[in-house]
Amino acid sequence: MNKLLSAACLCALLASLSAGAFEETTQHNVPDSVIFHSYPLTESTQIVGEDDTYLIDPEGVTTLEYVAAHYKLGLSNMIEANPYVDPIVPLKGSRLIVPLRLILPDAKRDGIVVNSPEMRLYYYHDNQVEVFPIGIGEVGKGTPLSWVTKVERKRANPTWTPTAQMRREAAAAGEPLPAVWPAGPDNPMGLFALYVGKLFAIHGTNADFGIGLRVSHGCVRLRHDDIEYLFNNVPVGTRVAFINQPIKYVKTPEGAIYIEVHQPLSRTQAEFEELTNQPFTFTKADEEFFADPEIDQEILQRALTERSGRVIMLNPPKF
């Protein structure tokens, strides 16, 4: 993400686009029905979904955010899969990759799993998994990366109480915040919230263009339809796990080896503003996986460098 534009700059540009530009956007190759990523699960399910493509109308106007929203993806997912495409003014007539094929995270398949580096929330229940794009905390206001908790309570039409630090920062920026932001569509928490732990929340937003970016004060935010669905379907007491897996991989029972690589989260503002890839911190399990003699090391290194967020086969057949 940071290789293209800072989150703040990108959000500002998206917000400045006129309604007319979106009205001109082609919709001919977006399904009429609401796209909802729900997949049946068995014990052996390791990969779900299939990638798609989106053709930008030569006469239309669109953005990567528009395409991401219609396919229920985060903006970062589209940018990772289409690194040479201008996210604000993609070339008319170009074909975009829509990264919908996923390796399931290496985590307990129970309740909600939030994998921050890939900007996705997984909801496991009733032998299925549903996948939603999310926005997460800014650098220095990070979303938890290793935490198991539960949904403590739910609230429709939440109010928002900024912390003293948030109010000081906002005042210094010339945008003072009220002590309590009233409920309603303009509330930064949106219209629905799941409170996990005691103070943390998974909630909606009044700014959909931040989904797939690091723009919150630490909480997890979703688009309105997605948080409304979770609010209506996730029971209080549901397990919630936060994980940090920029690299996901699997070896199927048939012997095929796949990897899915995302940009790791920047740890400092300096890293966030760097134009180069951030280094990975490999685990022992990662290193053991990389050493598999069946892996084509050239393909592996390319996947680790490109970080496309797409599922890549590491041991294709050789003829």
Protein backbone atom coordinates (compact mmCIF):
# COMPACT_ATOMS: atom_id res chain seq x y z
CA MET A 1 0.00 0.00 0.00
CA ASN A 2 2.67 2.47 1.00
CA LYS A 3 4.51 1.86 -2.29
CA LEU A 4 1.83 3.89 -4.05
CA LEU A 5 0.26 6.49 -1.79
CA SER A 6 -0.06 7.10 1.92
CA ALA A 7 -3.42 6.09 3.35
CA ALA A 8 -4.28 9.67 4.24
CA CYS A 9 -3.45 10.96 0.77
CA LEU A 10 -5.34 8.14 -0.94
CA CYS A 11 -8.42 8.62 1.21
CA ALA A 12 -8.43 12.34 0.52
CA LEU A 13 -8.23 11.78 -3.21
CA LEU A 14 -11.02 9.20 -3.18
CA ALA A 15 -13.23 11.42 -1.05
CA SER A 16 -12.73 14.30 -3.45
CA LEU A 17 -14.08 12.39 -6.45
CA SER A 18 -17.39 13.79 -7.61
CA ALA A 19 -20.64 11.83 -7.49
CA GLY A 20 -20.85 12.41 -11.22
CA ALA A 21 -17.68 10.43 -11.78
CA PHE A 22 -19.19 7.42 -10.06
CA GLU A 23 -22.45 7.79 -11.98
CA GLU A 24 -20.45 7.54 -15.19
CA THR A 25 -18.72 4.37 -14.02
CA THR A 26 -19.55 1.29 -16.02
CA GLN A 27 -21.37 -1.48 -14.17
CA HIS A 28 -21.91 -3.88 -17.03
CA ASN A 29 -19.60 -6.56 -15.66
CA VAL A 30 -20.52 -6.31 -11.97
CA PRO A 31 -23.08 -8.98 -10.93
CA ASP A 32 -26.52 -7.59 -10.15
CA SER A 33 -26.83 -9.58 -6.93
CA VAL A 34 -24.96 -8.58 -3.80
CA ILE A 35 -21.62 -10.36 -3.79
CA PHE A 36 -21.25 -12.27 -0.57
CA HIS A 37 -18.21 -14.44 0.08
CA SER A 38 -19.52 -17.51 1.90
CA TYR A 39 -17.88 -20.89 1.45
CA PRO A 40 -18.81 -24.38 2.72
CA LEU A 41 -16.16 -26.01 4.90
CA THR A 42 -14.94 -29.53 5.46
CA GLU A 43 -11.95 -30.59 7.54
CA SER A 44 -9.89 -30.73 4.36
CA THR A 45 -10.86 -27.28 2.99
CA GLN A 46 -7.72 -25.19 2.68
CA ILE A 47 -8.36 -22.85 -0.27
CA VAL A 48 -11.63 -21.10 -1.14
CA GLY A 49 -12.86 -18.85 -3.93
CA GLU A 50 -11.65 -18.14 -7.46
CA ASP A 51 -9.96 -15.05 -8.89
CA ASP A 52 -11.94 -12.96 -11.35
CA THR A 53 -11.24 -10.11 -13.77
CA TYR A 54 -12.91 -6.75 -14.27
CA LEU A 55 -12.82 -4.90 -17.58
CA ILE A 56 -12.85 -1.12 -17.26
CA ASP A 57 -15.17 0.30 -19.89
CA PRO A 58 -13.18 2.31 -22.46
CA GLU A 59 -15.82 5.05 -22.13
CA GLY A 60 -16.32 4.83 -18.37
CA VAL A 61 -14.73 6.30 -15.28
CA THR A 62 -13.90 4.23 -12.24
CA THR A 63 -11.43 3.71 -9.38
CA LEU A 64 -9.97 0.64 -7.71
CA GLU A 65 -12.09 1.50 -4.65
CA TYR A 66 -15.26 1.25 -6.74
CA VAL A 67 -14.31 -2.21 -7.99
CA ALA A 68 -13.17 -3.30 -4.52
CA ALA A 69 -16.48 -2.25 -2.97
CA HIS A 70 -18.56 -4.14 -5.52
CA TYR A 71 -16.55 -7.32 -5.07
CA LYS A 72 -16.49 -6.93 -1.26
CA LEU A 73 -12.73 -6.49 -1.12
CA GLY A 74 -10.53 -3.94 0.60
CA LEU A 75 -8.72 -1.33 -1.47
CA SER A 76 -5.36 -2.82 -0.46
CA ASN A 77 -6.42 -6.19 -1.92
CA MET A 78 -6.98 -4.59 -5.33
CA ILE A 79 -3.76 -2.58 -5.15
CA GLU A 80 -1.67 -5.64 -4.24
CA ALA A 81 -3.11 -7.65 -7.14
CA ASN A 82 -2.78 -4.74 -9.61
CA PRO A 83 0.48 -3.00 -8.58
CA TYR A 84 1.00 -1.09 -11.82
CA VAL A 85 -2.52 0.32 -12.01
CA ASP A 86 -3.21 3.88 -10.86
CA PRO A 87 -5.75 3.39 -8.01
CA ILE A 88 -7.42 6.76 -8.64
CA VAL A 89 -7.48 6.91 -12.44
CA PRO A 90 -6.91 3.40 -13.84
CA LEU A 91 -6.43 3.27 -17.58
CA LYS A 92 -9.69 3.00 -19.50
CA GLY A 93 -10.11 -0.35 -21.21
CA SER A 94 -7.65 -2.13 -18.90
CA ARG A 95 -8.43 -5.44 -17.27
CA LEU A 96 -8.08 -5.70 -13.49
CA ILE A 97 -7.36 -8.81 -11.47
CA VAL A 98 -9.95 -9.36 -8.73
CA PRO A 99 -8.22 -11.50 -6.05
CA LEU A 100 -10.98 -13.71 -4.67
CA ARG A 101 -9.06 -16.97 -4.23
CA LEU A 102 -7.79 -17.33 -0.65
CA ILE A 103 -5.78 -19.66 1.54
CA LEU A 104 -7.55 -19.93 4.88
CA PRO A 105 -5.43 -18.61 7.78
CA ASP A 106 -3.54 -20.96 10.06
CA ALA A 107 -5.87 -20.39 13.01
CA LYS A 108 -8.62 -22.12 14.94
CA ARG A 109 -11.74 -22.19 12.79
CA ASP A 110 -14.10 -20.92 15.41
CA GLY A 111 -15.93 -17.62 15.45
CA ILE A 112 -14.18 -14.52 14.14
CA VAL A 113 -10.57 -14.43 12.95
CA VAL A 114 -9.09 -11.02 12.05
CA ASN A 115 -5.91 -11.21 9.95
CA SER A 116 -4.73 -7.61 9.86
CA PRO A 117 -2.00 -7.77 7.16
CA GLU A 118 -4.43 -9.06 4.54
CA MET A 119 -7.20 -6.71 5.75
CA ARG A 120 -9.76 -9.50 6.08
CA LEU A 121 -12.11 -10.83 8.74
CA TYR A 122 -13.17 -14.47 8.66
CA TYR A 123 -16.35 -15.63 10.38
CA TYR A 124 -16.47 -19.41 10.94
CA HIS A 125 -19.80 -20.99 11.87
CA ASP A 126 -22.13 -23.83 10.90
CA ASN A 127 -19.54 -25.57 8.67
CA GLN A 128 -18.93 -22.49 6.56
CA VAL A 129 -16.71 -19.42 6.47
CA GLU A 130 -17.68 -15.91 5.44
CA VAL A 131 -14.99 -13.41 4.46
CA PHE A 132 -15.20 -9.61 4.83
CA PRO A 133 -12.77 -6.76 4.02
CA ILE A 134 -11.75 -4.49 6.89
CA GLY A 135 -9.94 -1.26 7.70
CA ILE A 136 -7.54 -1.27 10.65
CA GLY A 137 -5.61 1.07 12.93
CA GLU A 138 -3.08 3.65 11.81
CA VAL A 139 0.60 3.18 12.60
CA GLY A 140 1.02 3.79 16.31
CA LYS A 141 -2.69 3.08 16.89
CA GLY A 142 -2.44 -0.49 15.87
CA THR A 143 -5.14 -3.12 15.74
CA PRO A 144 -4.16 -6.07 17.98
CA LEU A 145 -1.99 -8.65 16.23
CA SER A 146 -2.07 -11.54 18.70
CA TRP A 147 -5.11 -11.63 20.95
CA VAL A 148 -7.92 -14.07 21.68
CA THR A 149 -11.04 -12.57 23.21
CA LYS A 150 -14.80 -12.69 22.63
CA VAL A 151 -17.78 -10.54 21.71
CA GLU A 152 -18.77 -8.97 25.02
CA ARG A 153 -21.80 -7.03 23.79
CA LYS A 154 -23.43 -5.54 20.71
CA ARG A 155 -24.95 -2.14 20.12
CA ALA A 156 -26.95 -0.60 17.30
CA ASN A 157 -26.53 3.15 16.79
CA PRO A 158 -23.43 3.40 18.96
CA THR A 159 -22.06 6.69 20.21
CA TRP A 160 -18.32 7.35 20.05
CA THR A 161 -16.32 8.71 22.95
CA PRO A 162 -12.90 9.91 21.75
CA THR A 163 -10.04 9.43 24.18
CA ALA A 164 -8.33 12.46 25.69
CA GLN A 165 -5.35 11.83 23.40
CA MET A 166 -7.57 11.72 20.31
CA ARG A 167 -9.17 15.02 21.31
CA ARG A 168 -5.77 16.65 21.86
CA GLU A 169 -4.53 15.48 18.46
CA ALA A 170 -7.69 16.63 16.72
CA ALA A 171 -7.58 20.02 18.42
CA ALA A 172 -3.94 20.46 17.40
CA ALA A 173 -4.96 19.72 13.82
CA GLY A 174 -7.68 22.36 13.99
CA GLU A 175 -10.50 19.80 13.95
CA PRO A 176 -11.77 19.61 17.53
CA LEU A 177 -13.84 16.58 18.53
CA PRO A 178 -16.86 16.56 20.85
CA ALA A 179 -16.60 14.71 24.15
CA VAL A 180 -19.20 12.27 22.81
CA TRP A 181 -20.07 11.88 19.15
CA PRO A 182 -23.83 11.22 18.87
CA ALA A 183 -25.25 8.16 17.15
CA GLY A 184 -26.19 8.39 13.50
CA PRO A 185 -24.87 7.89 9.95
CA ASP A 186 -22.16 10.53 10.44
CA ASN A 187 -20.73 8.72 13.47
CA PRO A 188 -17.24 7.33 12.72
CA MET A 189 -18.39 4.00 14.23
CA GLY A 190 -21.24 3.70 11.77
CA LEU A 191 -24.57 2.22 12.83
CA PHE A 192 -23.52 -1.09 14.39
CA ALA A 193 -20.76 -2.23 16.75
CA LEU A 194 -19.55 -5.51 18.24
CA TYR A 195 -17.54 -4.79 21.39
CA VAL A 196 -14.74 -7.31 21.92
CA GLY A 197 -12.77 -7.38 25.13
CA LYS A 198 -13.76 -4.38 27.23
CA LEU A 199 -12.89 -1.33 25.12
CA PHE A 200 -12.17 -2.56 21.59
CA ALA A 201 -14.80 -2.74 18.82
CA ILE A 202 -15.53 -4.18 15.41
CA HIS A 203 -17.83 -1.58 13.89
CA GLY A 204 -19.09 0.23 10.83
CA THR A 205 -17.84 3.49 9.35
CA ASN A 206 -19.02 6.76 7.86
CA ALA A 207 -16.21 6.61 5.26
CA ASP A 208 -16.33 3.42 3.16
CA PHE A 209 -13.22 4.37 1.18
CA GLY A 210 -11.11 3.49 4.25
CA ILE A 211 -11.81 -0.23 3.96
CA GLY A 212 -8.53 -1.95 3.17
CA LEU A 213 -6.45 0.88 4.65
CA ARG A 214 -4.84 1.78 7.98
CA VAL A 215 -7.03 4.71 8.91
CA SER A 216 -8.81 3.91 12.20
CA HIS A 217 -7.75 4.65 15.78
CA GLY A 218 -7.15 0.93 16.27
CA CYS A 219 -10.60 -0.62 15.97
CA VAL A 220 -11.68 -2.81 13.06
CA ARG A 221 -14.11 -1.15 10.65
CA LEU A 222 -16.32 -2.66 7.95
CA ARG A 223 -18.65 -1.37 5.26
CA HIS A 224 -22.25 -0.88 6.35
CA ASP A 225 -23.79 -4.03 4.82
CA ASP A 226 -21.01 -6.20 6.22
CA ILE A 227 -21.17 -4.96 9.81
CA GLU A 228 -24.96 -5.08 9.73
CA TYR A 229 -24.78 -8.75 8.71
CA LEU A 230 -22.30 -9.55 11.48
CA PHE A 231 -24.35 -7.61 14.02
CA ASN A 232 -27.44 -9.63 13.15
CA ASN A 233 -25.71 -13.02 13.02
CA VAL A 234 -22.77 -13.10 15.47
CA PRO A 235 -23.92 -14.05 19.00
CA VAL A 236 -22.56 -12.39 22.11
CA GLY A 237 -19.87 -14.69 23.50
CA THR A 238 -18.45 -15.58 20.06
CA ARG A 239 -14.71 -16.24 20.08
CA VAL A 240 -12.60 -13.52 18.40
CA ALA A 241 -8.94 -14.06 17.45
CA PHE A 242 -6.58 -11.39 16.08
CA ILE A 243 -3.64 -12.78 14.10
CA ASN A 244 -0.70 -11.44 12.10
CA GLN A 245 -0.13 -13.65 9.04
CA PRO A 246 1.12 -11.72 5.99
CA ILE A 247 2.22 -15.08 4.56
CA LYS A 248 -0.19 -18.01 4.27
CA TYR A 249 0.69 -21.35 2.70
CA VAL A 250 -0.55 -24.89 2.40
CA LYS A 251 0.40 -28.28 1.01
CA THR A 252 -2.66 -30.16 -0.17
CA PRO A 253 -3.18 -33.92 0.30
CA GLU A 254 -2.50 -34.25 -3.43
CA GLY A 255 0.94 -32.66 -2.95
CA ALA A 256 0.27 -29.25 -4.52
CA ILE A 257 1.98 -26.40 -2.64
CA TYR A 258 0.51 -22.90 -2.55
CA ILE A 259 1.44 -19.57 -1.00
CA GLU A 260 -0.35 -16.23 -0.57
CA VAL A 261 1.82 -13.24 0.34
CA HIS A 262 0.73 -9.82 1.59
CA GLN A 263 2.76 -6.79 2.59
CA PRO A 264 3.59 -7.04 6.32
CA LEU A 265 2.31 -4.23 8.50
CA SER A 266 4.64 -1.28 8.97
CA ARG A 267 5.75 -0.92 12.60
CA THR A 268 6.72 2.76 12.49
CA GLN A 269 5.70 5.85 10.54
CA ALA A 270 9.13 5.82 8.85
CA GLU A 271 8.52 2.27 7.61
CA PHE A 272 5.01 3.23 6.46
CA GLU A 273 6.41 6.05 4.33
CA GLU A 274 9.18 3.92 2.81
CA LEU A 275 8.85 3.23 -0.90
CA THR A 276 10.51 -0.18 -0.60
CA ASN A 277 9.11 -3.47 0.62
CA GLN A 278 9.16 -3.98 4.37
CA PRO A 279 11.16 -6.99 5.61
CA PHE A 280 9.38 -10.12 6.77
CA THR A 281 9.95 -11.67 10.16
CA PHE A 282 9.94 -15.36 9.29
CA THR A 283 8.83 -17.89 11.88
CA LYS A 284 10.47 -21.28 12.32
CA ALA A 285 7.43 -22.81 10.62
CA ASP A 286 7.92 -20.46 7.65
CA GLU A 287 11.57 -21.44 7.27
CA GLU A 288 10.75 -25.14 7.45
CA PHE A 289 8.08 -24.68 4.80
CA PHE A 290 10.41 -22.73 2.49
CA ALA A 291 12.96 -25.55 2.71
CA ASP A 292 10.59 -28.11 1.15
CA PRO A 293 12.62 -29.63 -1.72
CA GLU A 294 9.53 -29.75 -3.94
CA ILE A 295 9.23 -25.95 -3.97
CA ASP A 296 10.50 -24.06 -7.01
CA GLN A 297 12.69 -21.51 -5.20
CA GLU A 298 12.55 -19.03 -8.07
CA ILE A 299 8.74 -18.91 -7.88
CA LEU A 300 8.91 -18.63 -4.09
CA GLN A 301 11.31 -15.68 -4.16
CA ARG A 302 9.20 -13.94 -6.78
CA ALA A 303 6.08 -14.40 -4.64
CA LEU A 304 7.86 -13.01 -1.57
CA THR A 305 9.02 -10.01 -3.59
CA GLU A 306 5.85 -9.21 -5.51
CA ARG A 307 3.46 -9.68 -2.54
CA SER A 308 0.43 -9.77 -4.82
CA GLY A 309 -1.98 -11.23 -2.26
CA ARG A 310 -2.87 -13.92 -4.80
CA VAL A 311 -2.64 -17.68 -4.36
CA ILE A 312 0.48 -18.91 -6.19
CA MET A 313 1.40 -22.54 -6.90
CA LEU A 314 5.00 -23.23 -5.85
CA ASN A 315 5.47 -26.65 -7.45
CA PRO A 316 3.84 -26.50 -10.89
CA PRO A 317 4.18 -29.61 -13.07
CA LYS A 318 7.32 -29.72 -15.18
CA PHE A 319 7.10 -31.01 -18.73
